[in-house]
Structures are given as structure tokens and as C-alpha cells.
Amino acid sequence: MRIIHIETGKDWRGAQVQVLHTAAGQQALGHEVHLVCPPGSALAQRGKDAGLTVHHRRCRAALFGYDVLQMAALMRRIRPHIVHLHSSHAHNVGGMAAWISRVPAVVLSRRMDTPITVWHHKLKYRFGYDTIIAISQSVKKVLVNAGISEEKISVVRSAIDYSWWSRSGERDRIRHEFGYQDSDTVVAVIAAIEPRKGQELLIRALPRILERAPNVKVLLAGKDDIAQPERALASQLGLTDKVTFAGFRPDVKDVIAAADIISAPSYLEGLGVSIMEAMACGKPVVATTAGGIPESVVDGETGILFEPGDTAGLANAIIRLAVDDSLRSSMGQKGQARAKHSFSVDSLISQTLEIYGALLDRQAILLRGAGPPPPCP
């Protein structure tokens, strides 16, 4: 098959990781894969490094018509069997361009479990695709609640490269960089600092945690800025020596290795790729029951779950792990085993190709402008 993937994010985050896994894996199986990204995106560079054919196109609301025509021209030249849209802006521009270009089949991925309530957002989900891939049952539920037929939704969970994540990271280097002692218990959140990720909740829980586990330190690794309210909160509570704002880190595996506990105090979470990565690294997880997190973390086995916004629940979970080395080790080992068997990149690639093939067969459009594709492996 000839496949175009369109992803409009410029940063390197979980969504971009999944696009690269999918595109590179499909190309390795012999499909002709094209990756469309905006100029200067991290995914574009990593795609080139992986040997993918990368095209620079924008999907801008202000220049919608122009960008649609540019995208449509690219599609008419490539003549893909499948266009796979990986973001909201890609849906807007890429969906229209695919319709203009008479692309045989269009797939849309949805990774957010944010409720779709605004009328024009609901309207958008009536057009521009043939099927949706949701990354969790929680995301599927959001789509169904927005009025989308279950028949148009498939669930394919995000994946991680276990063989890479399970290898040891540079724990000592990171702990030395941030001045942690061997006796410190480091709780890390690996996520851009924003309200839905819940870093503020962890900072508010920290005084309660320190009463029982005074050696706990918090490491927040993710994109932020000097004006973040979380920084002001840490200062207000007198916790500046207990909370480290590390900013965006390209060495995420080393940061996870330096931590003793990984936390995801999210209010909204499609699935939580950083949680899966932490489990592959052998780290116990303390996370909320938001979104698709319970589909990754087995409560009481690979980590401890609590309700979103429950400061006491978060504090008690971290205290329980911070004071019990053997429990941390046991949950970390079980999490690593679960990551190995449940979060496979091969499964992500094969399930996605099955959806492509079924869509093409069902619509009986193999000859419309693209020529007949070979059967999916």
C-alpha cells in the first residue's frame, strides 16, 4: 500500500512517538510510506533519521484553503491508498484534501479523552474520515458519547519499544545532576506541565507526604516556562528544595531510571505512554483512574491508582511505596513483565494494517485513482 501519515505537532511527545512507530514499522514491511509534518517539527527530523520520506506541509486555520490545496496537490502526486490523520489540524486540512483528491480511504486517530461537547467539534467528527482509531476504550467512549457510531471506531492501544526501554538508563548521572542523595526517594512526573496532567496536585500533596516520608523529592520533567503557576505554588509552600523543574528532557529513559516512583496525577489521559515506558523500565506507578490509565496499570499489582483530584489518595499511595523498598521492587518487576507482553509495537503495526485492509475491502475502491494495493501481511 501507499500510505500518507499526517501529524501537525512540532514537539516530541507521545503522539509523535506513536506515529513514528507506525510509519517506520509499515515501511519495514514493504509498504510505501510518506510522512507529512510542518517545517521544523521534531517528528520530521526523526522520520528522516529513520529513513522515511518526509514532506513539509502546514495545516493552519488562518490559511485553511491554501493549505488544503497544497496538501491536495501532494496527495494527487503520491496517489495514496490510505491517508492516516493523527491530529485535529490534520483532520481539518488533511480530511478535506483527501476528499478533493479522491483518496480511497481516510483513517483518523484520536488520542485524547477530552469530552467532545462543543457543537462545531461534534460537527467536525461527521466528516473527513472513514474510520477512527481510538487508543483506549476510554477514548472510544468519548467518541460514542459525541454521537459517533461504534461501527466506525476501532481500538488500537499505543505501544512502546520494550527492547529499548527495558535497557538500563543512566540513573547515577541524572541523580548527580540534580543533587539527589542515595537516601532520597525520587517521585517523577514525565509530562508537559499543564493543568490536565495534574502536577499541581502532586505539589499540594507533598507536605502530607513529607510528614511520613521526609526523604521524598519530586522531579517534574516536561515542557514548561518560568511563569508556570506550579513554580509559584512550590515556592509558596516552601518546597523549592523538594521540587525540581527539569523542563523538556531528551533523555527521558535516564530520568525514569533516576526515579524510584513514577506518578501520573492526570485529570485527563488518553492512555499514558509515559506510564507504559515507566513500567518497561521497571518502575512502580502511582496514577489516577483517569481515561485509559486503568487499561495500562493494574491497581495493587503494577502500581497504585487513585481518583483524579484526590490529594490524600495520592499522598497515601506515594507514602506506601516510599517506605517499602520491597513493594516498589515487586510492583516494578510485575510492571516490566506486563509492558513486555501487552504494549508491543508489532501489535500496533499489525492491527493498524488490518484496519486499513478491511477498510479498503469494505469500500470496494481499490481502483479509484490509486491502483490495487497488495494484500496486508
Protein backbone atom coordinates (compact mmCIF):
# COMPACT_ATOMS: atom_id res chain seq x y z
CA MET A 1 0.00 0.00 0.00
CA ARG A 2 0.92 3.62 -0.42
CA ILE A 3 0.26 5.39 2.87
CA ILE A 4 0.43 9.03 3.93
CA HIS A 5 0.65 9.89 7.63
CA ILE A 6 -0.11 13.50 8.60
CA GLU A 7 0.92 14.79 12.05
CA THR A 8 0.98 18.53 12.80
CA GLY A 9 2.62 18.73 16.24
CA LYS A 10 6.07 20.32 16.40
CA ASP A 11 7.16 18.93 19.76
CA TRP A 12 8.36 15.41 20.51
CA ARG A 13 5.64 13.91 22.66
CA GLY A 14 3.72 10.66 22.99
CA ALA A 15 1.62 11.16 19.86
CA GLN A 16 4.67 11.73 17.68
CA VAL A 17 6.33 8.60 19.09
CA GLN A 18 3.31 6.53 18.05
CA VAL A 19 3.27 8.00 14.54
CA LEU A 20 6.95 7.15 14.07
CA HIS A 21 6.45 3.60 15.37
CA THR A 22 3.55 3.09 12.97
CA ALA A 23 5.12 4.65 9.88
CA ALA A 24 8.55 3.08 10.29
CA GLY A 25 7.03 -0.32 11.03
CA GLN A 26 4.83 -0.19 7.94
CA GLN A 27 7.77 0.77 5.75
CA ALA A 28 9.82 -2.10 7.18
CA LEU A 29 7.08 -4.48 5.97
CA GLY A 30 7.42 -3.18 2.42
CA HIS A 31 4.71 -0.54 2.20
CA GLU A 32 5.41 2.84 0.58
CA VAL A 33 5.12 5.33 3.44
CA HIS A 34 5.10 9.14 3.34
CA LEU A 35 5.22 11.31 6.45
CA VAL A 36 3.77 14.85 6.30
CA CYS A 37 4.81 17.28 9.06
CA PRO A 38 5.17 21.05 9.46
CA PRO A 39 8.64 22.52 8.88
CA GLY A 40 10.87 22.32 11.94
CA SER A 41 8.95 19.55 13.67
CA ALA A 42 10.82 17.02 15.80
CA LEU A 43 8.95 14.18 14.09
CA ALA A 44 10.12 15.31 10.65
CA GLN A 45 13.76 15.07 11.70
CA ARG A 46 13.33 11.72 13.42
CA GLY A 47 11.39 10.44 10.45
CA LYS A 48 14.25 11.34 8.14
CA ASP A 49 16.69 9.65 10.51
CA ALA A 50 14.54 6.52 10.31
CA GLY A 51 14.70 6.55 6.50
CA LEU A 52 11.14 7.74 5.88
CA THR A 53 10.13 10.04 3.02
CA VAL A 54 9.18 13.31 4.72
CA HIS A 55 7.17 16.17 3.20
CA HIS A 56 6.84 19.57 4.86
CA ARG A 57 3.29 20.92 4.79
CA ARG A 58 1.29 23.09 7.21
CA CYS A 59 -2.27 22.75 8.47
CA ARG A 60 -3.19 26.28 9.54
CA ALA A 61 -6.65 27.53 10.42
CA ALA A 62 -5.83 31.05 9.20
CA LEU A 63 -4.73 29.77 5.77
CA PHE A 64 -7.07 26.81 5.60
CA GLY A 65 -7.92 26.99 1.91
CA TYR A 66 -4.33 27.48 0.79
CA ASP A 67 -3.05 24.63 2.96
CA VAL A 68 -5.83 22.32 1.76
CA LEU A 69 -4.85 22.95 -1.87
CA GLN A 70 -1.16 22.38 -1.11
CA MET A 71 -1.99 19.12 0.68
CA ALA A 72 -4.33 18.00 -2.10
CA ALA A 73 -1.62 18.61 -4.71
CA LEU A 74 0.74 16.39 -2.72
CA MET A 75 -1.88 13.64 -2.48
CA ARG A 76 -2.63 13.76 -6.21
CA ARG A 77 1.08 13.33 -6.88
CA ILE A 78 1.57 10.41 -4.45
CA ARG A 79 -1.84 8.79 -5.11
CA PRO A 80 -2.09 7.01 -1.75
CA HIS A 81 -4.41 4.16 -0.90
CA ILE A 82 -4.64 5.36 2.70
CA VAL A 83 -4.31 8.74 4.37
CA HIS A 84 -3.91 8.48 8.15
CA LEU A 85 -4.63 11.69 10.10
CA HIS A 86 -3.03 11.97 13.55
CA SER A 87 -4.19 15.31 14.96
CA SER A 88 -7.10 17.76 14.98
CA HIS A 89 -5.43 20.13 12.50
CA ALA A 90 -4.52 17.18 10.29
CA HIS A 91 -8.19 16.19 10.37
CA ASN A 92 -9.29 19.67 9.27
CA VAL A 93 -6.88 20.11 6.37
CA GLY A 94 -5.96 16.54 5.50
CA GLY A 95 -9.53 15.29 5.54
CA MET A 96 -10.66 17.96 3.07
CA ALA A 97 -7.58 17.46 0.88
CA ALA A 98 -8.19 13.70 0.79
CA TRP A 99 -11.80 14.28 -0.29
CA ILE A 100 -10.73 16.65 -3.05
CA SER A 101 -8.07 14.19 -4.20
CA ARG A 102 -10.45 11.21 -4.06
CA VAL A 103 -8.17 9.24 -1.74
CA PRO A 104 -9.65 5.74 -1.38
CA ALA A 105 -9.68 5.60 2.43
CA VAL A 106 -9.01 8.00 5.30
CA VAL A 107 -8.22 6.93 8.87
CA LEU A 108 -8.31 9.31 11.85
CA SER A 109 -6.54 8.63 15.16
CA ARG A 110 -7.96 10.02 18.40
CA ARG A 111 -5.66 10.07 21.45
CA MET A 112 -7.37 12.49 23.82
CA ASP A 113 -10.14 11.52 26.24
CA THR A 114 -11.35 15.12 26.48
CA PRO A 115 -15.15 15.16 26.11
CA ILE A 116 -16.37 16.39 22.71
CA THR A 117 -19.14 18.80 23.74
CA VAL A 118 -18.84 21.93 21.56
CA TRP A 119 -21.28 21.76 18.65
CA HIS A 120 -18.78 22.55 15.91
CA HIS A 121 -16.36 19.92 17.26
CA LYS A 122 -19.16 17.35 17.11
CA LEU A 123 -19.95 18.52 13.59
CA LYS A 124 -16.32 18.06 12.54
CA TYR A 125 -16.42 14.41 13.54
CA ARG A 126 -19.15 13.79 10.97
CA PHE A 127 -16.77 14.42 8.06
CA GLY A 128 -13.24 13.90 6.78
CA TYR A 129 -12.58 10.24 7.57
CA ASP A 130 -13.87 6.70 7.02
CA THR A 131 -12.91 5.16 10.35
CA ILE A 132 -11.41 6.24 13.69
CA ILE A 133 -8.70 4.51 15.67
CA ALA A 134 -9.04 5.22 19.40
CA ILE A 135 -6.05 4.45 21.61
CA SER A 136 -8.16 3.16 24.51
CA GLN A 137 -11.64 2.09 25.45
CA SER A 138 -11.92 5.36 27.38
CA VAL A 139 -11.30 7.38 24.21
CA LYS A 140 -13.78 5.22 22.32
CA LYS A 141 -16.41 6.01 24.97
CA VAL A 142 -15.81 9.75 24.47
CA LEU A 143 -16.37 9.34 20.73
CA VAL A 144 -19.55 7.31 21.20
CA ASN A 145 -20.86 9.90 23.64
CA ALA A 146 -20.30 12.51 20.93
CA GLY A 147 -22.67 10.63 18.64
CA ILE A 148 -20.18 8.63 16.56
CA SER A 149 -21.27 5.11 15.64
CA GLU A 150 -19.35 2.32 17.37
CA GLU A 151 -19.07 0.62 13.98
CA LYS A 152 -16.77 3.42 12.82
CA ILE A 153 -14.39 3.08 15.81
CA SER A 154 -11.60 0.58 16.40
CA VAL A 155 -9.37 0.45 19.49
CA VAL A 156 -5.63 0.05 18.94
CA ARG A 157 -3.58 0.79 22.03
CA SER A 158 -0.39 2.82 21.87
CA ALA A 159 2.87 0.90 22.04
CA ILE A 160 6.43 1.16 23.27
CA ASP A 161 9.72 -0.26 22.09
CA TYR A 162 10.24 -2.61 25.03
CA SER A 163 13.66 -3.76 23.88
CA TRP A 164 14.93 -0.17 24.23
CA TRP A 165 13.05 0.97 27.32
CA SER A 166 13.91 -2.13 29.31
CA ARG A 167 17.65 -1.49 28.98
CA SER A 168 19.23 0.32 31.91
CA GLY A 169 19.32 4.12 31.86
CA GLU A 170 21.95 6.40 33.38
CA ARG A 171 20.49 6.63 36.89
CA ASP A 172 23.63 7.90 38.63
CA ARG A 173 24.26 10.68 36.09
CA ILE A 174 20.80 12.18 36.47
CA ARG A 175 20.74 11.89 40.25
CA HIS A 176 24.12 13.61 40.42
CA GLU A 177 22.92 16.34 38.03
CA PHE A 178 20.01 17.22 40.33
CA GLY A 179 21.88 16.70 43.58
CA TYR A 180 19.91 13.70 44.85
CA GLN A 181 21.36 11.57 47.62
CA ASP A 182 21.25 7.78 47.71
CA SER A 183 18.76 8.04 50.56
CA ASP A 184 16.35 10.23 48.56
CA THR A 185 13.19 8.68 47.14
CA VAL A 186 12.53 10.44 43.86
CA VAL A 187 8.98 10.70 42.51
CA ALA A 188 8.96 11.80 38.86
CA VAL A 189 6.19 13.02 36.57
CA ILE A 190 7.09 12.71 32.88
CA ALA A 191 4.73 15.10 31.09
CA ALA A 192 4.46 18.64 29.83
CA ILE A 193 3.38 20.84 32.74
CA GLU A 194 -0.24 21.73 32.17
CA PRO A 195 -3.43 21.57 34.26
CA ARG A 196 -4.76 18.30 32.86
CA LYS A 197 -1.54 16.47 33.80
CA GLY A 198 -2.04 17.25 37.50
CA GLN A 199 1.45 18.30 38.58
CA GLU A 200 -0.14 20.91 40.85
CA LEU A 201 -1.93 18.13 42.74
CA LEU A 202 1.37 16.40 43.50
CA ILE A 203 2.91 19.62 44.79
CA ARG A 204 -0.09 20.16 47.07
CA ALA A 205 0.19 16.58 48.33
CA LEU A 206 3.90 16.87 49.07
CA PRO A 207 3.68 18.42 52.59
CA ARG A 208 1.49 15.49 53.68
CA ILE A 209 3.93 13.04 52.07
CA LEU A 210 6.95 14.59 53.80
CA GLU A 211 5.38 14.07 57.22
CA ARG A 212 5.73 10.30 56.75
CA ALA A 213 8.47 10.08 54.14
CA PRO A 214 10.81 13.07 54.64
CA ASN A 215 13.31 11.88 52.02
CA VAL A 216 10.89 12.19 49.10
CA LYS A 217 11.88 14.55 46.29
CA VAL A 218 9.73 15.45 43.28
CA LEU A 219 11.12 15.70 39.74
CA LEU A 220 8.89 17.29 37.08
CA ALA A 221 10.29 16.51 33.63
CA GLY A 222 8.34 18.15 30.85
CA LYS A 223 7.96 21.31 28.83
CA ASP A 224 7.22 24.35 31.00
CA ASP A 225 8.17 28.00 31.39
CA ILE A 226 9.34 30.29 34.15
CA ALA A 227 5.82 31.66 34.67
CA GLN A 228 4.23 28.27 35.40
CA PRO A 229 1.83 28.56 38.36
CA GLU A 230 3.25 25.27 39.64
CA ARG A 231 6.57 27.03 40.26
CA ALA A 232 4.85 29.74 42.26
CA LEU A 233 2.92 27.11 44.24
CA ALA A 234 6.09 25.23 45.16
CA SER A 235 7.65 28.48 46.34
CA GLN A 236 4.53 29.47 48.27
CA LEU A 237 4.52 26.14 50.12
CA GLY A 238 8.25 26.36 50.89
CA LEU A 239 9.06 23.35 48.71
CA THR A 240 11.62 24.78 46.29
CA ASP A 241 14.30 22.47 47.70
CA LYS A 242 11.99 19.46 47.29
CA VAL A 243 10.64 20.06 43.77
CA THR A 244 12.84 20.14 40.67
CA PHE A 245 11.53 21.60 37.41
CA ALA A 246 13.69 19.84 34.83
CA GLY A 247 11.96 21.15 31.70
CA PHE A 248 11.84 19.12 28.49
CA ARG A 249 14.36 16.27 28.57
CA PRO A 250 15.51 14.32 25.51
CA ASP A 251 16.97 11.67 27.87
CA VAL A 252 13.63 10.52 29.28
CA LYS A 253 14.79 6.96 29.89
CA ASP A 254 17.63 8.22 32.06
CA VAL A 255 15.22 10.44 34.00
CA ILE A 256 12.92 7.47 34.61
CA ALA A 257 15.94 5.40 35.68
CA ALA A 258 16.86 8.08 38.23
CA ALA A 259 13.38 7.95 39.78
CA ASP A 260 12.11 5.45 42.31
CA ILE A 261 8.42 6.05 41.62
CA ILE A 262 6.68 7.40 38.52
CA SER A 263 3.48 9.37 39.09
CA ALA A 264 0.75 10.41 36.66
CA PRO A 265 -1.73 12.55 38.66
CA SER A 266 -3.69 13.31 35.48
CA TYR A 267 -7.23 14.62 35.25
CA LEU A 268 -7.42 13.58 31.58
CA GLU A 269 -5.31 10.91 29.90
CA GLY A 270 -6.00 9.00 26.70
CA LEU A 271 -3.79 6.08 27.72
CA GLY A 272 -0.48 7.36 29.12
CA VAL A 273 2.54 6.31 27.06
CA SER A 274 4.96 7.62 29.71
CA ILE A 275 3.32 5.24 32.18
CA MET A 276 3.93 2.32 29.85
CA GLU A 277 7.54 3.42 29.38
CA ALA A 278 8.00 3.64 33.14
CA MET A 279 6.65 0.12 33.56
CA ALA A 280 9.06 -1.16 30.90
CA CYS A 281 11.86 0.47 32.91
CA GLY A 282 10.73 -1.50 35.96
CA LYS A 283 9.29 1.42 37.94
CA PRO A 284 6.12 1.28 40.08
CA VAL A 285 3.43 3.75 39.06
CA VAL A 286 1.14 5.96 41.14
CA ALA A 287 -1.57 7.31 38.88
CA THR A 288 -5.19 8.37 38.69
CA THR A 289 -8.04 6.34 37.27
CA ALA A 290 -8.49 8.97 34.54
CA GLY A 291 -9.13 7.92 30.95
CA GLY A 292 -7.24 4.87 29.75
CA ILE A 293 -4.76 4.65 32.65
CA PRO A 294 -6.50 1.63 34.23
CA GLU A 295 -6.00 -0.16 30.91
CA SER A 296 -2.24 0.16 31.47
CA VAL A 297 -1.76 -0.02 35.25
CA VAL A 298 -3.10 -2.96 37.25
CA ASP A 299 -4.06 -1.46 40.62
CA GLY A 300 -2.23 -3.12 43.51
CA GLU A 301 -0.05 -5.15 41.15
CA THR A 302 1.98 -2.86 38.88
CA GLY A 303 1.12 0.35 40.71
CA ILE A 304 -1.45 2.16 42.84
CA LEU A 305 -4.41 4.06 41.41
CA PHE A 306 -6.43 6.86 43.00
CA GLU A 307 -9.28 9.10 41.92
CA PRO A 308 -8.43 12.29 39.97
CA GLY A 309 -8.07 15.29 42.28
CA ASP A 310 -7.75 13.16 45.45
CA THR A 311 -4.79 14.75 47.23
CA ALA A 312 -4.98 12.37 50.19
CA GLY A 313 -5.19 9.34 47.91
CA LEU A 314 -2.11 10.48 46.00
CA ALA A 315 -0.18 11.18 49.21
CA ASN A 316 -1.06 7.84 50.80
CA ALA A 317 -0.07 5.91 47.67
CA ILE A 318 3.33 7.58 47.46
CA ILE A 319 3.95 7.16 51.20
CA ARG A 320 3.11 3.46 50.93
CA LEU A 321 5.70 2.94 48.20
CA ALA A 322 8.29 5.37 49.58
CA VAL A 323 8.60 3.50 52.88
CA ASP A 324 8.59 -0.01 51.39
CA ASP A 325 11.55 -0.90 49.16
CA SER A 326 10.33 -4.45 48.57
CA LEU A 327 6.90 -3.28 47.41
CA ARG A 328 8.49 -0.87 44.95
CA SER A 329 10.67 -3.66 43.61
CA SER A 330 7.81 -6.14 43.34
CA MET A 331 5.48 -3.73 41.53
CA GLY A 332 8.30 -2.63 39.25
CA GLN A 333 9.06 -6.20 38.22
CA LYS A 334 5.40 -7.01 37.57
CA GLY A 335 5.01 -3.81 35.59
CA GLN A 336 8.00 -4.68 33.45
CA ALA A 337 6.55 -8.11 32.68
CA ARG A 338 3.21 -6.54 31.74
CA ALA A 339 4.89 -3.99 29.48
CA LYS A 340 6.75 -6.73 27.64
CA HIS A 341 3.63 -8.73 26.86
CA SER A 342 0.94 -6.07 26.47
CA PHE A 343 2.39 -2.96 24.81
CA SER A 344 4.00 -4.39 21.66
CA VAL A 345 4.93 -2.22 18.68
CA ASP A 346 4.36 -5.24 16.42
CA SER A 347 0.77 -5.41 17.65
CA LEU A 348 0.27 -1.69 16.96
CA ILE A 349 1.53 -2.08 13.40
CA SER A 350 -0.35 -5.29 12.56
CA GLN A 351 -3.68 -4.10 13.99
CA THR A 352 -3.41 -0.80 12.11
CA LEU A 353 -2.69 -2.57 8.82
CA GLU A 354 -5.64 -4.89 9.40
CA ILE A 355 -7.89 -1.85 9.76
CA TYR A 356 -6.51 -0.36 6.55
CA GLY A 357 -7.08 -3.60 4.63
CA ALA A 358 -10.58 -4.13 5.96
CA LEU A 359 -11.49 -0.55 5.12
CA LEU A 360 -10.29 -0.86 1.55
CA ASP A 361 -12.04 -4.19 1.08
CA ARG A 362 -15.28 -2.97 2.62
CA GLN A 363 -15.46 0.12 0.46
CA ALA A 364 -14.50 -1.76 -2.72
CA ILE A 365 -12.48 1.17 -4.01
CA LEU A 366 -9.19 -0.45 -4.90
CA LEU A 367 -9.08 1.05 -8.38
CA ARG A 368 -10.20 4.60 -7.63
CA GLY A 369 -7.20 6.70 -8.55
CA ALA A 370 -4.60 4.63 -6.79
CA GLY A 371 -4.45 1.20 -8.34
CA PRO A 372 -4.99 -2.08 -6.48
CA PRO A 373 -2.92 -2.45 -3.32
CA PRO A 374 -1.33 -5.76 -2.40
CA PRO A 375 -2.94 -7.68 0.47
CA CYS A 376 -1.92 -6.75 4.00
CA PRO A 377 0.61 -9.09 5.58
